[in-house]
Amino acid sequence: MIASNMSGRAGVRRHLMKTLGVAAALSLAVTACGGSAKSADGGGGNITLTVTVWNLAKTPEFKALFDAFQQANPTIKIQPVDILADDYAEKVTTMLAGGDDTDVITMKNVTDYSRYSSRGQLLEITDLAKSPDAAKLAGLDAFKVSDKYFALPYRQDFWLLYYNKTYFDKAGVKAPAALTWDEYAKLAQQLTKNEGGKKVYGTYQHTWRSVVQAISAAQTGGDQLSGDYSFFADQYAIALGLQKSGAALDFGTATSQKSDYRTMFETGATAMLPMGTWYISGILEAKANGKTDVDWALAPMPQRPGGSGVTTFGSPTAFAVNKKAEHAEAAKKFVQFAAGKAGAEAITKVGVVPALQSPEITDTYFSIKGMPTDEVSKKAFSPDKVVLEMPVSEHSSDIDTILKEEHELIMVGDKSAADGIRSMNERVKSEVLN
């Protein structure tokens, strides 16, 4: 409950949110259903639960969860704290370091989670994580730290290939059911063209290091925490070759223009897009609102030659309770709800893959209006192996920073792939592991 004696803390929070540029999010708060029953914090009356999110307007899962939770808990109002996706990690890090009392913190990835949990900034919720229902959550083990848990996953994403069916049909190309990386690169070159006076790239590889490094680790069995990154070499050859040939937007341009993968795909600027399953909800919403007319479908991620089955990478997304949360019990209630059946059903309806899986939930997912239902798309949705995007350890955050820095230098041409990989090896060993 927000009592009168909390006005000082509320003032501090309002000031902090202004400095973070997120105060506008307050006007986006989802309206509670009202009611006068006891609040989850034990007081008598309504409470307001604050939750950090990113790009609220383009991330429909948040509103779906908030609406469902508020309907089930009419005395709790959700107030989202909306942060730009690209700024999210930095802003949340600043908030937690500054003692902010926002109640629920969304864990965008496990690397950030390892940072916050190791710093003692999250409330332990092992009791929730060891419940019978939580045992069914995909990705739960990623949040285990010394047999303790500080977050519960509510969704489990993995990477696959989105493609523009219209461009494939015009080129006389069949659905890419089982591509190797070399075939993917050749297909990207084949599909690159001018369409209506604008260039259409055969593919768009976003600027995140995982597009090269995480898929390489997943498909070679390489360890991103090891200090030996020779296994990145083949994937860098593919990525650099694509941009050198003009079949993909070059990294420097994509970075300087802050290219949005959604815009690239939804405006028809690219024929293919390797991306996570979270984007399904975004494109479904864009189609439903008439913001794009792209005819799209899914395919499995390309594979290394000689491999068996489909291996890709992914990462769970979770909710955690801030150690300094103003409404800790209500926050725990929300985290448990989001990871449970009701939360899974809510996000499934908007095209998000929940961490809690069941045949009923899968059937609901593919019955969503606008979902592609061809066999290749269904195959893409059932990879044989999903490897964690970044292993969790006390070194994850520091190693991630080094790998990201060297990745950028390679992709803009300031270093060759060989030199960049050599620097990764040396820096991780000397700056982190030793």
Protein backbone atom coordinates (compact mmCIF):
# COMPACT_ATOMS: atom_id res chain seq x y z
CA MET A 1 0.00 0.00 0.00
CA ILE A 2 1.23 3.54 -0.71
CA ALA A 3 0.77 5.24 2.65
CA SER A 4 1.09 8.97 3.35
CA ASN A 5 4.45 8.51 5.05
CA MET A 6 5.86 7.23 1.75
CA SER A 7 5.57 10.61 0.04
CA GLY A 8 9.26 11.34 0.47
CA ARG A 9 10.28 8.07 -1.19
CA ALA A 10 7.76 8.64 -3.95
CA GLY A 11 9.33 12.03 -4.59
CA VAL A 12 12.77 10.49 -4.87
CA ARG A 13 11.44 7.93 -7.32
CA ARG A 14 9.74 10.57 -9.47
CA HIS A 15 12.99 12.52 -9.63
CA LEU A 16 14.96 9.41 -10.60
CA MET A 17 12.50 8.42 -13.30
CA LYS A 18 12.80 11.88 -14.82
CA THR A 19 16.54 11.57 -15.01
CA LEU A 20 16.11 8.21 -16.70
CA GLY A 21 13.72 9.60 -19.25
CA VAL A 22 10.99 7.17 -18.35
CA ALA A 23 8.44 9.38 -16.65
CA ALA A 24 6.29 9.30 -19.77
CA ALA A 25 5.65 5.65 -18.99
CA LEU A 26 3.52 6.61 -16.04
CA SER A 27 0.77 7.83 -18.38
CA LEU A 28 0.74 4.36 -19.92
CA ALA A 29 -0.18 2.63 -16.69
CA VAL A 30 -2.86 0.03 -17.19
CA THR A 31 -6.03 0.98 -15.34
CA ALA A 32 -6.87 -1.28 -12.45
CA CYS A 33 -10.32 -2.82 -12.09
CA GLY A 34 -10.97 -1.21 -8.71
CA GLY A 35 -12.20 -2.95 -5.54
CA SER A 36 -11.81 -2.61 -1.82
CA ALA A 37 -10.54 -5.99 -0.64
CA LYS A 38 -7.28 -6.26 1.27
CA SER A 39 -4.17 -5.54 -0.76
CA ALA A 40 -1.46 -8.15 -1.31
CA ASP A 41 0.78 -6.24 1.09
CA GLY A 42 -1.61 -6.80 3.95
CA GLY A 43 -3.11 -3.31 4.08
CA GLY A 44 -6.69 -2.32 3.39
CA GLY A 45 -7.05 -0.75 -0.05
CA ASN A 46 -5.43 -0.56 -3.43
CA ILE A 47 -1.69 -0.60 -4.09
CA THR A 48 0.35 0.32 -7.14
CA LEU A 49 2.98 -2.17 -8.29
CA THR A 50 5.75 -0.76 -10.48
CA VAL A 51 7.34 -2.97 -13.15
CA THR A 52 10.24 -2.12 -15.47
CA VAL A 53 9.60 -2.89 -19.15
CA TRP A 54 11.09 -1.92 -22.48
CA ASN A 55 9.35 -0.47 -25.54
CA LEU A 56 5.91 -0.99 -24.03
CA ALA A 57 4.03 0.07 -27.16
CA LYS A 58 5.81 -2.55 -29.28
CA THR A 59 5.88 -5.35 -26.72
CA PRO A 60 2.27 -6.59 -26.39
CA GLU A 61 3.11 -9.35 -23.91
CA PHE A 62 3.45 -6.81 -21.10
CA LYS A 63 -0.04 -5.40 -21.50
CA ALA A 64 -1.45 -8.92 -21.86
CA LEU A 65 0.17 -9.97 -18.58
CA PHE A 66 -0.76 -6.80 -16.74
CA ASP A 67 -4.40 -6.98 -17.84
CA ALA A 68 -4.68 -10.64 -16.82
CA PHE A 69 -3.02 -10.06 -13.46
CA GLN A 70 -5.17 -7.05 -12.64
CA GLN A 71 -8.32 -8.91 -13.54
CA ALA A 72 -7.31 -11.65 -11.10
CA ASN A 73 -6.12 -9.15 -8.47
CA PRO A 74 -8.38 -6.10 -8.65
CA THR A 75 -6.74 -4.33 -5.71
CA ILE A 76 -3.34 -4.18 -7.42
CA LYS A 77 -2.67 -1.65 -10.15
CA ILE A 78 0.30 -2.19 -12.46
CA GLN A 79 2.34 0.90 -13.29
CA PRO A 80 4.89 0.15 -16.05
CA VAL A 81 8.22 1.97 -16.05
CA ASP A 82 8.92 2.09 -19.79
CA ILE A 83 12.54 2.22 -20.96
CA LEU A 84 14.00 2.20 -24.48
CA ALA A 85 15.11 -1.31 -25.38
CA ASP A 86 18.65 -0.24 -26.31
CA ASP A 87 19.04 1.63 -23.01
CA TYR A 88 17.38 -0.96 -20.80
CA ALA A 89 20.39 -2.66 -19.21
CA GLU A 90 22.17 0.62 -18.51
CA LYS A 91 19.07 2.29 -17.04
CA VAL A 92 18.15 -0.64 -14.80
CA THR A 93 21.75 -0.92 -13.62
CA THR A 94 21.67 2.76 -12.67
CA MET A 95 18.31 2.41 -10.94
CA LEU A 96 19.36 -0.53 -8.79
CA ALA A 97 22.71 1.01 -7.93
CA GLY A 98 20.91 4.17 -6.84
CA GLY A 99 18.61 2.35 -4.45
CA ASP A 100 15.44 2.77 -6.53
CA ASP A 101 12.43 0.93 -5.07
CA THR A 102 10.67 -0.13 -8.28
CA ASP A 103 8.99 -3.39 -7.32
CA VAL A 104 9.47 -5.82 -10.22
CA ILE A 105 12.49 -5.84 -12.52
CA THR A 106 12.17 -7.62 -15.85
CA MET A 107 15.29 -9.68 -16.58
CA LYS A 108 15.83 -9.13 -20.30
CA ASN A 109 18.63 -11.70 -20.39
CA VAL A 110 20.57 -13.99 -18.09
CA THR A 111 23.74 -11.90 -18.36
CA ASP A 112 22.04 -8.96 -16.68
CA TYR A 113 20.49 -11.35 -14.18
CA SER A 114 23.87 -12.73 -13.16
CA ARG A 115 25.10 -9.17 -12.60
CA TYR A 116 22.18 -8.07 -10.42
CA SER A 117 21.91 -11.30 -8.43
CA SER A 118 25.64 -11.37 -7.68
CA ARG A 119 25.43 -7.80 -6.39
CA GLY A 120 22.66 -8.69 -3.95
CA GLN A 121 20.17 -6.38 -5.67
CA LEU A 122 17.38 -8.94 -6.09
CA LEU A 123 15.13 -10.59 -3.52
CA GLU A 124 15.59 -14.33 -3.14
CA ILE A 125 12.48 -16.24 -4.27
CA THR A 126 13.73 -19.82 -3.98
CA ASP A 127 10.45 -20.81 -2.33
CA LEU A 128 8.60 -19.93 -5.55
CA ALA A 129 11.20 -21.54 -7.80
CA LYS A 130 11.06 -24.89 -5.98
CA SER A 131 7.28 -25.25 -6.14
CA PRO A 132 5.87 -28.17 -8.21
CA ASP A 133 4.50 -25.82 -10.89
CA ALA A 134 7.82 -24.00 -11.30
CA ALA A 135 9.56 -27.30 -12.02
CA LYS A 136 7.77 -27.31 -15.40
CA LEU A 137 9.32 -24.00 -16.48
CA ALA A 138 11.70 -24.12 -19.44
CA GLY A 139 14.86 -22.15 -18.71
CA LEU A 140 14.46 -22.21 -14.92
CA ASP A 141 17.96 -23.64 -14.39
CA ALA A 142 19.47 -20.52 -15.96
CA PHE A 143 18.42 -18.61 -12.83
CA LYS A 144 19.96 -20.99 -10.32
CA VAL A 145 22.79 -19.34 -8.39
CA SER A 146 24.39 -21.44 -5.61
CA ASP A 147 21.12 -23.37 -5.29
CA LYS A 148 19.19 -20.14 -4.88
CA TYR A 149 16.81 -18.37 -7.25
CA PHE A 150 16.18 -14.66 -7.66
CA ALA A 151 13.84 -14.73 -10.68
CA LEU A 152 11.26 -16.91 -12.44
CA PRO A 153 11.10 -17.17 -16.25
CA TYR A 154 7.76 -16.40 -17.86
CA ARG A 155 8.82 -16.86 -21.47
CA GLN A 156 11.37 -18.99 -23.32
CA ASP A 157 12.64 -17.70 -26.64
CA PHE A 158 14.87 -19.26 -29.24
CA TRP A 159 16.16 -18.14 -32.60
CA LEU A 160 14.82 -19.13 -35.99
CA LEU A 161 14.62 -17.65 -39.50
CA TYR A 162 11.87 -15.28 -40.64
CA TYR A 163 11.42 -14.93 -44.38
CA ASN A 164 9.35 -12.93 -46.84
CA LYS A 165 7.22 -15.38 -48.80
CA THR A 166 6.54 -12.88 -51.59
CA TYR A 167 10.24 -12.44 -52.36
CA PHE A 168 10.81 -16.19 -52.26
CA ASP A 169 7.90 -16.81 -54.63
CA LYS A 170 9.09 -14.14 -57.08
CA ALA A 171 12.54 -15.69 -57.11
CA GLY A 172 11.12 -19.18 -57.55
CA VAL A 173 12.72 -20.32 -54.29
CA LYS A 174 11.13 -22.96 -52.07
CA ALA A 175 10.65 -22.52 -48.33
CA PRO A 176 14.08 -22.78 -46.65
CA ALA A 177 13.36 -25.96 -44.71
CA ALA A 178 16.94 -27.10 -44.07
CA LEU A 179 19.68 -24.62 -44.98
CA THR A 180 23.37 -24.84 -44.21
CA TRP A 181 25.10 -21.53 -43.52
CA ASP A 182 26.77 -21.59 -46.94
CA GLU A 183 23.39 -22.16 -48.59
CA TYR A 184 21.93 -19.34 -46.54
CA ALA A 185 24.67 -16.97 -47.72
CA LYS A 186 24.18 -17.94 -51.38
CA LEU A 187 20.42 -17.55 -51.05
CA ALA A 188 20.89 -14.10 -49.51
CA GLN A 189 22.93 -13.03 -52.53
CA GLN A 190 20.30 -14.45 -54.90
CA LEU A 191 17.48 -12.56 -53.16
CA THR A 192 19.30 -9.20 -53.05
CA LYS A 193 17.77 -6.85 -55.63
CA ASN A 194 16.18 -3.47 -56.30
CA GLU A 195 12.44 -3.40 -55.69
CA GLY A 196 10.44 -0.30 -56.57
CA GLY A 197 13.51 1.92 -56.54
CA LYS A 198 14.85 0.70 -53.21
CA LYS A 199 17.38 -1.96 -52.36
CA VAL A 200 16.14 -5.18 -50.85
CA TYR A 201 18.82 -7.08 -48.94
CA GLY A 202 18.83 -10.85 -49.07
CA THR A 203 19.13 -10.94 -45.30
CA TYR A 204 19.54 -8.68 -42.30
CA GLN A 205 21.85 -9.72 -39.47
CA HIS A 206 21.27 -7.50 -36.48
CA THR A 207 24.18 -5.87 -34.64
CA TRP A 208 24.00 -8.01 -31.49
CA ARG A 209 27.08 -10.18 -30.99
CA SER A 210 24.88 -13.23 -30.41
CA VAL A 211 23.92 -13.27 -34.09
CA VAL A 212 27.47 -14.47 -34.77
CA GLN A 213 28.86 -15.69 -31.47
CA ALA A 214 25.97 -17.41 -29.68
CA ILE A 215 24.86 -19.42 -32.70
CA SER A 216 28.46 -20.44 -33.27
CA ALA A 217 28.80 -21.62 -29.67
CA ALA A 218 25.50 -23.51 -29.84
CA GLN A 219 26.31 -25.35 -33.04
CA THR A 220 29.98 -26.12 -32.37
CA GLY A 221 29.72 -26.88 -28.66
CA GLY A 222 32.06 -23.98 -27.89
CA ASP A 223 32.13 -22.39 -24.44
CA GLN A 224 31.78 -18.60 -24.34
CA LEU A 225 33.30 -18.51 -20.86
CA SER A 226 36.42 -20.49 -21.77
CA GLY A 227 38.82 -17.83 -23.04
CA ASP A 228 39.31 -19.75 -26.31
CA TYR A 229 37.16 -18.43 -29.16
CA SER A 230 38.59 -20.11 -32.22
CA PHE A 231 35.17 -21.67 -32.80
CA PHE A 232 33.82 -18.20 -33.81
CA ALA A 233 35.91 -18.14 -37.01
CA ASP A 234 33.50 -19.83 -39.45
CA GLN A 235 30.54 -17.73 -38.41
CA TYR A 236 32.52 -14.50 -38.75
CA ALA A 237 33.47 -15.57 -42.28
CA ILE A 238 29.77 -15.88 -43.12
CA ALA A 239 28.80 -12.55 -41.51
CA LEU A 240 31.64 -10.56 -43.05
CA GLY A 241 31.09 -12.18 -46.43
CA LEU A 242 27.43 -11.21 -46.43
CA GLN A 243 28.11 -7.54 -45.84
CA LYS A 244 31.09 -7.44 -48.21
CA SER A 245 28.93 -8.85 -51.02
CA GLY A 246 26.14 -6.36 -50.29
CA ALA A 247 23.69 -9.12 -49.45
CA ALA A 248 23.30 -7.74 -45.91
CA LEU A 249 23.29 -4.19 -44.56
CA ASP A 250 26.80 -3.50 -43.31
CA PHE A 251 27.36 -3.33 -39.56
CA GLY A 252 28.66 0.25 -39.55
CA THR A 253 25.56 1.59 -41.32
CA ALA A 254 23.21 -0.50 -39.19
CA THR A 255 24.88 0.83 -36.02
CA SER A 256 25.08 4.49 -37.04
CA GLN A 257 21.48 4.50 -38.25
CA LYS A 258 20.30 2.47 -35.25
CA SER A 259 18.58 0.09 -37.62
CA ASP A 260 15.50 -1.63 -36.28
CA TYR A 261 15.15 -5.26 -37.34
CA ARG A 262 11.36 -4.89 -37.24
CA THR A 263 11.45 -1.97 -39.64
CA MET A 264 13.83 -3.82 -41.94
CA PHE A 265 11.54 -6.82 -42.20
CA GLU A 266 8.12 -5.16 -42.04
CA THR A 267 8.94 -2.59 -44.74
CA GLY A 268 10.27 -5.26 -47.08
CA ALA A 269 13.88 -4.07 -46.86
CA THR A 270 15.11 -7.62 -46.30
CA ALA A 271 14.05 -11.05 -47.54
CA MET A 272 15.33 -12.99 -44.53
CA LEU A 273 15.86 -12.23 -40.85
CA PRO A 274 17.46 -14.47 -38.21
CA MET A 275 15.73 -13.42 -34.98
CA GLY A 276 14.16 -14.70 -31.78
CA THR A 277 10.65 -16.03 -31.33
CA TRP A 278 9.72 -12.90 -29.35
CA TYR A 279 9.32 -11.11 -32.68
CA ILE A 280 6.32 -13.28 -33.59
CA SER A 281 4.08 -11.27 -31.27
CA GLY A 282 5.36 -8.02 -32.75
CA ILE A 283 4.71 -8.94 -36.35
CA LEU A 284 1.31 -10.40 -35.54
CA GLU A 285 0.35 -7.12 -33.91
CA ALA A 286 1.74 -5.06 -36.80
CA LYS A 287 -0.24 -7.14 -39.28
CA ALA A 288 -3.42 -6.92 -37.23
CA ASN A 289 -3.10 -3.12 -37.00
CA GLY A 290 -2.42 -2.70 -40.71
CA LYS A 291 1.13 -1.41 -40.14
CA THR A 292 2.69 -3.96 -42.49
CA ASP A 293 1.54 -6.13 -45.36
CA VAL A 294 4.54 -8.47 -45.39
CA ASP A 295 3.61 -12.08 -46.15
CA TRP A 296 5.85 -13.97 -43.74
CA ALA A 297 6.66 -17.44 -42.52
CA LEU A 298 9.22 -19.24 -40.37
CA ALA A 299 12.08 -21.63 -41.05
CA PRO A 300 14.70 -23.34 -38.87
CA MET A 301 17.97 -21.54 -38.22
CA PRO A 302 20.66 -22.53 -40.76
CA GLN A 303 23.00 -25.27 -39.57
CA ARG A 304 26.63 -26.24 -39.90
CA PRO A 305 27.20 -28.89 -42.60
CA GLY A 306 27.19 -32.45 -41.36
CA GLY A 307 25.17 -31.73 -38.26
CA SER A 308 22.15 -33.75 -37.22
CA GLY A 309 18.87 -32.15 -36.23
CA VAL A 310 18.26 -28.45 -35.63
CA THR A 311 20.35 -26.69 -33.01
CA THR A 312 19.77 -23.07 -32.13
CA PHE A 313 20.23 -20.79 -29.13
CA GLY A 314 17.84 -18.98 -26.90
CA SER A 315 17.26 -17.38 -23.58
CA PRO A 316 14.48 -17.22 -21.03
CA THR A 317 13.04 -13.88 -19.95
CA ALA A 318 12.10 -13.52 -16.32
CA PHE A 319 10.66 -11.30 -13.62
CA ALA A 320 12.56 -10.61 -10.41
CA VAL A 321 11.70 -8.73 -7.24
CA ASN A 322 13.86 -5.75 -6.40
CA LYS A 323 15.63 -6.25 -3.05
CA LYS A 324 14.38 -2.77 -2.12
CA ALA A 325 10.87 -3.21 -3.55
CA GLU A 326 8.23 -1.05 -1.94
CA HIS A 327 5.66 -3.87 -2.25
CA ALA A 328 7.65 -7.09 -2.03
CA GLU A 329 4.77 -9.49 -1.32
CA ALA A 330 2.64 -8.14 -4.14
CA ALA A 331 5.68 -8.28 -6.39
CA LYS A 332 6.23 -11.96 -5.55
CA LYS A 333 2.58 -12.61 -6.30
CA PHE A 334 2.96 -11.04 -9.74
CA VAL A 335 6.15 -12.99 -10.51
CA GLN A 336 4.43 -16.26 -9.59
CA PHE A 337 1.35 -15.37 -11.66
CA ALA A 338 3.38 -14.48 -14.75
CA ALA A 339 5.29 -17.78 -14.61
CA GLY A 340 2.13 -19.82 -14.01
CA LYS A 341 -0.66 -21.15 -16.18
CA ALA A 342 -2.68 -17.93 -16.26
CA GLY A 343 0.37 -15.90 -17.30
CA ALA A 344 1.31 -18.47 -19.95
CA GLU A 345 -2.19 -18.39 -21.42
CA ALA A 346 -2.19 -14.58 -21.49
CA ILE A 347 1.05 -14.21 -23.45
CA THR A 348 0.35 -17.17 -25.73
CA LYS A 349 -2.69 -15.34 -27.08
CA VAL A 350 -0.45 -12.52 -28.35
CA GLY A 351 2.13 -14.84 -29.93
CA VAL A 352 4.74 -15.06 -27.18
CA VAL A 353 6.31 -18.42 -26.30
CA PRO A 354 5.75 -19.07 -22.57
CA ALA A 355 8.23 -20.80 -20.32
CA LEU A 356 5.42 -23.02 -19.07
CA GLN A 357 4.62 -25.47 -21.87
CA SER A 358 1.76 -27.90 -22.41
CA PRO A 359 -0.03 -29.41 -25.44
CA GLU A 360 -2.97 -27.10 -24.79
CA ILE A 361 -0.79 -24.02 -24.78
CA THR A 362 0.94 -25.09 -28.03
CA ASP A 363 -2.42 -25.66 -29.72
CA THR A 364 -3.53 -22.22 -28.62
CA TYR A 365 -0.34 -20.70 -29.99
CA PHE A 366 -0.79 -22.03 -33.51
CA SER A 367 -4.47 -21.15 -33.57
CA ILE A 368 -3.68 -17.44 -33.27
CA LYS A 369 -5.00 -15.44 -36.21
CA GLY A 370 -2.18 -14.58 -38.58
CA MET A 371 0.20 -17.37 -37.51
CA PRO A 372 1.77 -19.27 -40.42
CA THR A 373 0.64 -22.88 -40.25
CA ASP A 374 2.74 -24.51 -42.99
CA GLU A 375 4.86 -27.51 -42.09
CA VAL A 376 8.18 -25.66 -42.37
CA SER A 377 7.01 -23.02 -39.90
CA LYS A 378 5.88 -25.71 -37.46
CA LYS A 379 9.22 -27.49 -37.85
CA ALA A 380 11.02 -24.23 -37.08
CA PHE A 381 9.03 -23.99 -33.88
CA SER A 382 10.31 -27.34 -32.65
CA PRO A 383 14.13 -27.30 -32.74
CA ASP A 384 15.93 -30.39 -31.49
CA LYS A 385 18.23 -28.46 -29.18
CA VAL A 386 18.17 -24.96 -27.69
CA VAL A 387 21.45 -23.87 -26.08
CA LEU A 388 21.51 -21.02 -23.56
CA GLU A 389 22.53 -17.78 -25.28
CA MET A 390 25.17 -17.02 -22.66
CA PRO A 391 26.17 -19.33 -19.80
CA VAL A 392 25.56 -17.96 -16.33
CA SER A 393 28.50 -17.49 -13.98
CA GLU A 394 30.13 -14.77 -11.93
CA HIS A 395 32.21 -13.97 -15.03
CA SER A 396 29.35 -13.77 -17.55
CA SER A 397 28.86 -10.02 -17.46
CA ASP A 398 32.56 -9.11 -17.76
CA ILE A 399 33.17 -11.63 -20.55
CA ASP A 400 30.06 -10.46 -22.38
CA THR A 401 31.43 -6.90 -22.38
CA ILE A 402 34.77 -7.97 -23.87
CA LEU A 403 33.18 -10.18 -26.54
CA LYS A 404 30.82 -7.35 -27.51
CA GLU A 405 33.65 -4.81 -27.83
CA GLU A 406 35.76 -7.09 -30.00
CA HIS A 407 32.75 -8.11 -32.08
CA GLU A 408 32.09 -4.50 -32.99
CA LEU A 409 35.72 -3.92 -33.98
CA ILE A 410 35.64 -6.96 -36.26
CA MET A 411 32.34 -6.08 -37.90
CA VAL A 412 33.31 -2.47 -38.72
CA GLY A 413 36.65 -3.63 -40.15
CA ASP A 414 38.94 -2.14 -37.51
CA LYS A 415 40.24 -5.64 -36.83
CA SER A 416 40.33 -8.80 -38.89
CA ALA A 417 38.34 -11.72 -37.52
CA ALA A 418 41.58 -13.50 -36.65
CA ASP A 419 42.94 -10.49 -34.76
CA GLY A 420 39.64 -9.90 -32.99
CA ILE A 421 39.40 -13.50 -31.87
CA ARG A 422 43.01 -13.37 -30.68
CA SER A 423 42.17 -10.27 -28.63
CA MET A 424 39.11 -12.00 -27.15
CA ASN A 425 41.29 -14.91 -26.05
CA GLU A 426 43.94 -12.68 -24.49
CA ARG A 427 41.60 -10.21 -22.82
CA VAL A 428 39.23 -12.75 -21.29
CA LYS A 429 42.14 -14.74 -19.86
CA SER A 430 44.05 -11.74 -18.53
CA GLU A 431 41.20 -9.41 -17.50
CA VAL A 432 38.65 -11.92 -16.19
CA LEU A 433 39.78 -15.50 -15.73
CA ASN A 434 43.20 -14.73 -14.22
